[in-house]
Amino acid sequence: MTLRPFSLILCFLISVSIACDQGTAPPPTQEPFFFRVVVKDQAGNPMPNVRVSVVPPFDLGSLLKSSTQQSPLGLSASSTVNFEIATVARVSLFLNDLDGSTIQKLAENRIFNVGLYAYRFTLQRTDGARVMVCRLVASDTATGNIVFRDSIFVTLWQPDYQVAIMGYTSGTGTFESRDTLAFPYILSLPPIVVTRTDPSPLGTFSFPDSCMITLTDTAKATRMTFGRRLVRGPNEIIVTWNPTGSPNPIPRGGASSDLPPSAPSSGIQNAFEWRLFQNYPNPFN
């Protein structure tokens, strides 16, 4: 069969229309997260061996109100996890990374009587902040059946830039990290209930999306401090070295919190129920 020119044009238009419909561009994919700092001197030359520290921009004054024990700066971040046991049970309490791998076994197959318990732990890390999951599983001592299980987010943070060291710039003046778990500023964590160790509720606390970055030339004892908002994708910060000379206090503020004034403790309740919670924020608990 011979196609006339009009038929050829019609076929061409139909094929172009189909191609346009099928050629719709796919939705853009989100670029993977990275945190990169590039430090240069005034002449544009890379500055190696500059120490990079990242800390949350918390108002330490308000957070200390929820503390029963204040930890001085310079100590590794620590936390207290509390749980209530309603019946005698065999308990495992694990601290896991967000990928499910076990970081620390706080208790494994231990028999607990009815009551309120507190576990204080520290990872002896230098991260400025890190998000993990604390998971509790309780089983009946006779049958082995699980009677309760729960998990909560646990966030350790360190406010001292001299401890919260991420690393040092390379020969090209660059430091880079792709460890999202060390940057809770991008994780959009839900508000976390703040409690005492007894545990009386004090309010809620939300992690900010910004952080404080301190760059230190340890050889000359000079540093720069500035704040940045972090995103889930690429974060590249190019810095021209211009230290202030004499050290200045790290500016604070920017944390979203709802912490009412401290109130007298209500005391430990007599009737216990199944619960898992964290005395938060940290490390001031």
Protein backbone atom coordinates (compact mmCIF):
# COMPACT_ATOMS: atom_id res chain seq x y z
CA MET A 1 0.00 0.00 0.00
CA THR A 2 1.37 3.41 -0.93
CA LEU A 3 0.96 6.22 1.61
CA ARG A 4 0.07 9.63 0.28
CA PRO A 5 1.98 12.71 1.53
CA PHE A 6 -0.98 13.71 3.75
CA SER A 7 -0.93 10.25 5.36
CA LEU A 8 2.81 10.54 5.95
CA ILE A 9 2.35 13.91 7.65
CA LEU A 10 -0.44 12.52 9.82
CA CYS A 11 1.67 9.52 10.82
CA PHE A 12 4.56 11.85 11.64
CA LEU A 13 2.38 14.06 13.86
CA ILE A 14 0.97 11.03 15.70
CA SER A 15 4.44 9.61 16.31
CA VAL A 16 5.71 12.99 17.57
CA SER A 17 2.72 13.26 19.93
CA ILE A 18 3.36 9.79 21.33
CA ALA A 19 7.06 10.55 21.73
CA CYS A 20 6.25 13.74 23.65
CA ASP A 21 3.88 11.90 25.98
CA GLN A 22 6.41 9.15 26.66
CA GLY A 23 9.33 11.55 26.97
CA THR A 24 8.16 13.34 30.11
CA ALA A 25 11.21 14.08 32.25
CA PRO A 26 11.40 11.96 35.45
CA PRO A 27 11.24 13.81 38.77
CA PRO A 28 14.64 15.09 39.84
CA THR A 29 16.46 12.86 42.30
CA GLN A 30 17.77 14.37 45.51
CA GLU A 31 21.53 14.67 45.66
CA PRO A 32 23.18 12.68 48.47
CA PHE A 33 24.12 14.45 51.68
CA PHE A 34 27.61 15.72 52.33
CA PHE A 35 29.12 18.31 54.64
CA ARG A 36 32.19 19.96 53.14
CA VAL A 37 34.28 22.85 54.45
CA VAL A 38 36.98 24.44 52.28
CA VAL A 39 39.36 26.83 54.04
CA LYS A 40 41.64 29.25 52.16
CA ASP A 41 43.94 32.02 53.28
CA GLN A 42 43.62 35.63 52.15
CA ALA A 43 45.64 34.87 49.00
CA GLY A 44 43.39 31.97 48.04
CA ASN A 45 45.80 29.23 49.08
CA PRO A 46 44.41 26.10 50.81
CA MET A 47 44.89 25.86 54.56
CA PRO A 48 45.63 22.31 55.77
CA ASN A 49 45.38 21.01 59.35
CA VAL A 50 42.56 23.35 60.35
CA ARG A 51 40.43 21.68 63.02
CA VAL A 52 36.71 21.49 62.22
CA SER A 53 34.21 21.34 65.10
CA VAL A 54 30.41 21.27 64.84
CA VAL A 55 28.08 21.82 67.80
CA PRO A 56 24.34 22.49 68.17
CA PRO A 57 23.36 26.14 68.73
CA PHE A 58 21.59 25.46 72.02
CA ASP A 59 20.81 27.98 74.70
CA LEU A 60 22.64 26.21 77.50
CA GLY A 61 21.08 28.42 80.14
CA SER A 62 17.55 27.16 79.48
CA LEU A 63 18.61 23.54 79.08
CA LEU A 64 20.37 23.47 82.43
CA LYS A 65 17.03 24.07 84.16
CA SER A 66 15.99 20.51 83.34
CA SER A 67 19.11 18.99 84.83
CA THR A 68 19.48 17.05 88.01
CA GLN A 69 23.23 16.88 87.53
CA GLN A 70 25.27 19.37 85.52
CA SER A 71 28.23 18.13 83.51
CA PRO A 72 31.04 20.62 82.93
CA LEU A 73 32.31 21.32 79.44
CA GLY A 74 35.02 19.02 78.19
CA LEU A 75 33.33 15.75 79.14
CA SER A 76 32.10 13.20 76.63
CA ALA A 77 28.37 13.38 75.97
CA SER A 78 26.33 11.01 78.10
CA SER A 79 22.68 10.17 78.46
CA THR A 80 20.25 8.52 80.85
CA VAL A 81 17.62 6.11 79.55
CA ASN A 82 14.75 5.27 81.89
CA PHE A 83 12.25 2.43 81.72
CA GLU A 84 9.45 1.09 83.89
CA ILE A 85 8.80 -2.61 84.46
CA ALA A 86 5.18 -3.57 85.17
CA THR A 87 5.82 -7.27 85.90
CA VAL A 88 8.91 -9.37 86.55
CA ALA A 89 10.50 -9.84 83.14
CA ARG A 90 13.65 -10.71 81.26
CA VAL A 91 14.87 -7.50 79.62
CA SER A 92 17.25 -6.57 76.79
CA LEU A 93 18.11 -2.91 76.29
CA PHE A 94 20.23 -2.17 73.20
CA LEU A 95 21.55 1.04 71.73
CA ASN A 96 21.49 0.83 67.92
CA ASP A 97 22.56 2.98 65.03
CA LEU A 98 19.79 4.05 62.66
CA ASP A 99 20.90 1.32 60.24
CA GLY A 100 20.05 -1.29 62.92
CA SER A 101 23.60 -2.20 63.91
CA THR A 102 24.25 -2.54 67.65
CA ILE A 103 26.42 0.13 69.25
CA GLN A 104 26.16 -0.89 72.89
CA LYS A 105 24.29 -3.55 74.89
CA LEU A 106 23.10 -1.84 78.05
CA ALA A 107 21.34 -4.97 79.33
CA GLU A 108 20.93 -8.41 77.74
CA ASN A 109 18.47 -11.05 78.96
CA ARG A 110 18.58 -9.73 82.52
CA ILE A 111 15.73 -10.35 84.96
CA PHE A 112 14.22 -7.15 86.38
CA ASN A 113 11.68 -6.81 89.14
CA VAL A 114 8.80 -4.35 89.00
CA GLY A 115 10.05 -0.78 89.28
CA LEU A 116 11.69 2.22 87.66
CA TYR A 117 15.23 1.88 86.28
CA ALA A 118 17.79 4.28 84.85
CA TYR A 119 20.79 3.48 82.67
CA ARG A 120 23.44 6.13 82.16
CA PHE A 121 25.81 5.63 79.27
CA THR A 122 28.45 7.46 77.27
CA LEU A 123 29.96 6.54 73.93
CA GLN A 124 33.24 8.38 74.52
CA ARG A 125 32.90 9.92 71.06
CA THR A 126 33.93 13.30 69.75
CA ASP A 127 30.83 13.83 67.60
CA GLY A 128 29.12 17.14 68.19
CA ALA A 129 25.80 15.31 68.01
CA ARG A 130 24.59 11.88 66.98
CA VAL A 131 21.19 10.21 66.66
CA MET A 132 20.63 6.59 67.64
CA VAL A 133 17.77 4.28 68.61
CA CYS A 134 17.38 2.74 72.05
CA ARG A 135 15.33 -0.48 71.88
CA LEU A 136 13.83 -2.35 74.82
CA VAL A 137 12.38 -5.86 74.64
CA ALA A 138 10.85 -7.53 77.72
CA SER A 139 9.72 -11.18 77.79
CA ASP A 140 7.91 -13.36 80.29
CA THR A 141 10.39 -15.25 82.48
CA ALA A 142 8.34 -18.47 82.34
CA THR A 143 7.12 -18.66 78.72
CA GLY A 144 9.62 -16.45 76.95
CA ASN A 145 6.77 -14.60 75.21
CA ILE A 146 7.38 -10.91 74.55
CA VAL A 147 5.23 -8.81 76.87
CA PHE A 148 6.52 -5.36 75.87
CA ARG A 149 8.73 -3.78 73.27
CA ASP A 150 9.44 -0.16 72.40
CA SER A 151 12.12 2.07 70.91
CA ILE A 152 12.97 5.76 71.15
CA PHE A 153 15.36 8.16 69.47
CA VAL A 154 18.42 8.96 71.55
CA THR A 155 20.49 12.02 70.72
CA LEU A 156 23.83 12.71 72.32
CA TRP A 157 25.30 16.16 71.87
CA GLN A 158 28.45 17.92 73.01
CA PRO A 159 28.44 21.73 73.40
CA ASP A 160 32.23 22.11 73.72
CA TYR A 161 33.91 22.81 70.37
CA GLN A 162 37.22 21.59 71.82
CA VAL A 163 35.68 18.13 72.23
CA ALA A 164 33.20 18.01 69.33
CA ILE A 165 35.90 17.64 66.68
CA MET A 166 34.77 16.30 63.30
CA GLY A 167 38.26 16.24 61.80
CA TYR A 168 40.94 18.35 60.12
CA THR A 169 41.29 19.88 56.67
CA SER A 170 43.45 17.99 54.18
CA GLY A 171 46.33 19.30 52.11
CA THR A 172 43.76 20.91 49.81
CA GLY A 173 42.22 22.75 52.75
CA THR A 174 39.13 20.53 52.63
CA PHE A 175 37.22 18.54 55.23
CA GLU A 176 34.26 16.39 54.16
CA SER A 177 31.86 14.06 55.93
CA ARG A 178 28.97 12.02 54.52
CA ASP A 179 27.93 10.58 57.88
CA THR A 180 24.31 11.73 58.13
CA LEU A 181 23.95 10.22 61.61
CA ALA A 182 26.43 12.78 62.93
CA PHE A 183 24.22 15.62 61.62
CA PRO A 184 20.80 15.38 63.31
CA TYR A 185 20.12 18.91 62.04
CA ILE A 186 18.88 17.39 58.76
CA LEU A 187 16.84 14.46 60.14
CA SER A 188 13.60 16.31 61.03
CA LEU A 189 13.25 14.49 64.33
CA PRO A 190 9.88 14.81 66.08
CA PRO A 191 9.65 16.82 69.32
CA ILE A 192 11.07 14.79 72.18
CA VAL A 193 9.56 14.84 75.65
CA VAL A 194 11.83 16.29 78.31
CA THR A 195 11.62 14.58 81.70
CA ARG A 196 13.32 14.49 85.03
CA THR A 197 14.92 11.29 86.16
CA ASP A 198 11.94 10.49 88.40
CA PRO A 199 10.38 11.07 85.61
CA SER A 200 8.34 14.29 85.82
CA PRO A 201 7.59 15.79 82.38
CA LEU A 202 9.12 19.20 81.77
CA GLY A 203 8.01 19.92 78.20
CA THR A 204 9.27 19.12 74.71
CA PHE A 205 12.45 19.77 72.78
CA SER A 206 13.10 19.90 69.03
CA PHE A 207 16.44 19.70 67.30
CA PRO A 208 17.26 22.77 65.13
CA ASP A 209 18.21 22.65 61.45
CA SER A 210 21.26 24.85 62.04
CA CYS A 211 24.62 24.32 63.71
CA MET A 212 27.64 26.24 64.92
CA ILE A 213 30.94 25.60 63.12
CA THR A 214 34.28 26.42 64.71
CA LEU A 215 37.50 26.35 62.68
CA THR A 216 40.70 26.35 64.73
CA ASP A 217 44.31 26.87 63.70
CA THR A 218 45.78 24.98 66.66
CA ALA A 219 49.35 26.03 65.80
CA LYS A 220 48.50 29.74 66.14
CA ALA A 221 45.65 29.36 68.65
CA THR A 222 43.24 31.32 66.47
CA ARG A 223 39.75 30.38 65.38
CA MET A 224 36.61 31.35 63.51
CA THR A 225 33.05 30.58 64.59
CA PHE A 226 29.91 30.97 62.50
CA GLY A 227 26.46 29.46 62.15
CA ARG A 228 25.00 27.62 59.16
CA ARG A 229 21.69 26.04 58.26
CA LEU A 230 22.17 22.52 56.89
CA VAL A 231 20.07 20.77 54.23
CA ARG A 232 19.56 17.11 53.34
CA GLY A 233 21.62 17.40 50.15
CA PRO A 234 25.01 19.01 49.47
CA ASN A 235 26.41 21.41 52.06
CA GLU A 236 29.59 23.13 50.88
CA ILE A 237 31.03 26.01 52.88
CA ILE A 238 33.96 27.95 51.45
CA VAL A 239 35.74 30.04 54.07
CA THR A 240 38.39 32.73 53.70
CA TRP A 241 40.49 32.57 56.86
CA ASN A 242 39.92 35.70 58.92
CA PRO A 243 40.20 34.83 62.62
CA THR A 244 39.10 37.24 65.30
CA GLY A 245 42.39 36.88 67.15
CA SER A 246 41.24 36.70 70.75
CA PRO A 247 38.71 33.90 71.28
CA ASN A 248 35.06 34.95 71.56
CA PRO A 249 32.26 32.93 73.16
CA ILE A 250 30.32 30.76 70.74
CA PRO A 251 26.97 32.48 70.07
CA ARG A 252 24.04 30.43 71.28
CA GLY A 253 20.36 30.29 70.46
CA GLY A 254 18.29 28.87 67.64
CA ALA A 255 17.11 25.68 69.28
CA SER A 256 13.37 25.15 69.24
CA SER A 257 12.28 24.29 72.74
CA ASP A 258 9.33 24.48 75.08
CA LEU A 259 10.82 24.11 78.52
CA PRO A 260 8.68 25.51 81.35
CA PRO A 261 10.32 26.66 84.60
CA SER A 262 11.55 23.92 86.88
CA ALA A 263 8.93 22.54 89.25
CA PRO A 264 9.25 20.43 92.41
CA SER A 265 9.57 16.73 91.75
CA SER A 266 6.37 14.77 92.04
CA GLY A 267 8.20 11.67 93.30
CA ILE A 268 8.24 8.13 91.94
CA GLN A 269 4.80 6.72 91.37
CA ASN A 270 3.76 3.57 93.21
CA ALA A 271 1.95 1.79 90.36
CA PHE A 272 4.36 1.01 87.50
CA GLU A 273 3.50 0.56 83.84
CA TRP A 274 5.50 -0.41 80.75
CA ARG A 275 7.41 2.65 79.55
CA LEU A 276 10.67 3.58 77.87
CA PHE A 277 11.84 7.18 77.89
CA GLN A 278 14.93 9.37 77.97
CA ASN A 279 15.91 12.13 80.33
CA TYR A 280 16.58 14.72 77.63
CA PRO A 281 18.33 16.94 76.49
CA ASN A 282 21.91 15.77 76.91
CA PRO A 283 24.59 15.68 78.13
CA PHE A 284 23.26 17.71 81.06
CA ASN A 285 21.32 15.03 82.93
